[in-house]
Amino acid sequence: MGKIKTHKASAKRFSVTGKGKIKINHCHHRHNLGMKDTKHKRRLRTASILSPCMTATARHLIQK
């Protein structure tokens, strides 16, 4: 049986915190920022924790 490979696209987007939670960065913060509200752009700067229902799927994709 072969090795389980890491899904590289997911590994670039998700990271695991010290307590095992999955941290993500928000999308829509690359271009067309002139039309977005300042409050919206400020919210997009901060990272957030992935929801518990999606954590198992993301952890399966980024396992090594």
C-alpha atoms as a PDB file:
ATOM      1  CA  MET A   1       0.000   0.000   0.000  1.00  0.00           C
ATOM      2  CA  GLY A   2       1.352   3.415  -0.964  1.00  0.00           C
ATOM      3  CA  LYS A   3       1.930   6.464   1.169  1.00  0.00           C
ATOM      4  CA  ILE A   4      -0.795   9.017   1.805  1.00  0.00           C
ATOM      5  CA  LYS A   5       0.102  12.211  -0.026  1.00  0.00           C
ATOM      6  CA  THR A   6      -0.548  15.724   1.226  1.00  0.00           C
ATOM      7  CA  HIS A   7      -2.961  17.808  -0.849  1.00  0.00           C
ATOM      8  CA  LYS A   8      -0.535  20.637  -1.649  1.00  0.00           C
ATOM      9  CA  ALA A   9      -3.161  23.254  -2.543  1.00  0.00           C
ATOM     10  CA  SER A  10      -4.791  22.753   0.859  1.00  0.00           C
ATOM     11  CA  ALA A  11      -1.462  22.711   2.680  1.00  0.00           C
ATOM     12  CA  LYS A  12      -0.744  26.207   1.337  1.00  0.00           C
ATOM     13  CA  ARG A  13      -4.091  27.523   2.586  1.00  0.00           C
ATOM     14  CA  PHE A  14      -4.529  25.822   5.971  1.00  0.00           C
ATOM     15  CA  SER A  15      -2.208  25.654   8.957  1.00  0.00           C
ATOM     16  CA  VAL A  16      -2.573  23.822  12.249  1.00  0.00           C
ATOM     17  CA  THR A  17      -2.346  25.747  15.516  1.00  0.00           C
ATOM     18  CA  GLY A  18      -0.668  24.442  18.648  1.00  0.00           C
ATOM     19  CA  LYS A  19      -3.958  23.143  20.034  1.00  0.00           C
ATOM     20  CA  GLY A  20      -4.817  21.357  16.788  1.00  0.00           C
ATOM     21  CA  LYS A  21      -7.289  23.815  15.318  1.00  0.00           C
ATOM     22  CA  ILE A  22      -7.141  24.698  11.617  1.00  0.00           C
ATOM     23  CA  LYS A  23      -6.278  28.342  10.850  1.00  0.00           C
ATOM     24  CA  ILE A  24      -7.263  29.968   7.551  1.00  0.00           C
ATOM     25  CA  ASN A  25      -6.716  33.327   5.886  1.00  0.00           C
ATOM     26  CA  HIS A  26      -9.622  35.115   4.257  1.00  0.00           C
ATOM     27  CA  CYS A  27     -10.046  35.460   0.503  1.00  0.00           C
ATOM     28  CA  HIS A  28     -11.038  38.581  -1.510  1.00  0.00           C
ATOM     29  CA  HIS A  29      -8.124  40.658  -0.215  1.00  0.00           C
ATOM     30  CA  ARG A  30      -5.883  40.734  -3.310  1.00  0.00           C
ATOM     31  CA  HIS A  31      -7.370  43.180  -5.800  1.00  0.00           C
ATOM     32  CA  ASN A  32     -10.404  45.432  -6.386  1.00  0.00           C
ATOM     33  CA  LEU A  33      -9.860  46.829  -2.906  1.00  0.00           C
ATOM     34  CA  GLY A  34     -10.934  50.349  -3.871  1.00  0.00           C
ATOM     35  CA  MET A  35     -14.599  49.395  -3.982  1.00  0.00           C
ATOM     36  CA  LYS A  36     -14.562  47.521  -0.678  1.00  0.00           C
ATOM     37  CA  ASP A  37     -15.405  49.231   2.602  1.00  0.00           C
ATOM     38  CA  THR A  38     -12.557  49.874   5.058  1.00  0.00           C
ATOM     39  CA  LYS A  39     -14.327  47.848   7.733  1.00  0.00           C
ATOM     40  CA  HIS A  40     -14.639  44.912   5.357  1.00  0.00           C
ATOM     41  CA  LYS A  41     -10.950  45.044   4.393  1.00  0.00           C
ATOM     42  CA  ARG A  42      -9.936  45.211   8.045  1.00  0.00           C
ATOM     43  CA  ARG A  43     -11.958  42.062   8.800  1.00  0.00           C
ATOM     44  CA  LEU A  44     -10.323  40.249   5.889  1.00  0.00           C
ATOM     45  CA  ARG A  45      -6.810  40.967   7.260  1.00  0.00           C
ATOM     46  CA  THR A  46      -7.263  38.792  10.337  1.00  0.00           C
ATOM     47  CA  ALA A  47      -6.968  35.019  10.204  1.00  0.00           C
ATOM     48  CA  SER A  48      -9.764  32.858  11.572  1.00  0.00           C
ATOM     49  CA  ILE A  49     -10.356  29.338  12.801  1.00  0.00           C
ATOM     50  CA  LEU A  50     -12.070  26.859  10.505  1.00  0.00           C
ATOM     51  CA  SER A  51     -15.519  25.699  11.601  1.00  0.00           C
ATOM     52  CA  PRO A  52     -15.664  22.358  13.447  1.00  0.00           C
ATOM     53  CA  CYS A  53     -17.716  20.683  10.712  1.00  0.00           C
ATOM     54  CA  MET A  54     -15.001  21.399   8.116  1.00  0.00           C
ATOM     55  CA  THR A  55     -12.026  20.654  10.380  1.00  0.00           C
ATOM     56  CA  ALA A  56     -12.078  16.894   9.804  1.00  0.00           C
ATOM     57  CA  THR A  57     -12.066  17.339   6.022  1.00  0.00           C
ATOM     58  CA  ALA A  58      -9.208  19.843   6.074  1.00  0.00           C
ATOM     59  CA  ARG A  59      -7.171  17.719   8.474  1.00  0.00           C
ATOM     60  CA  HIS A  60      -7.555  14.722   6.152  1.00  0.00           C
ATOM     61  CA  LEU A  61      -6.275  16.791   3.201  1.00  0.00           C
ATOM     62  CA  ILE A  62      -3.198  18.182   4.948  1.00  0.00           C
ATOM     63  CA  GLN A  63      -2.085  15.053   6.793  1.00  0.00           C
ATOM     64  CA  LYS A  64       1.488  14.029   6.179  1.00  0.00           C
END
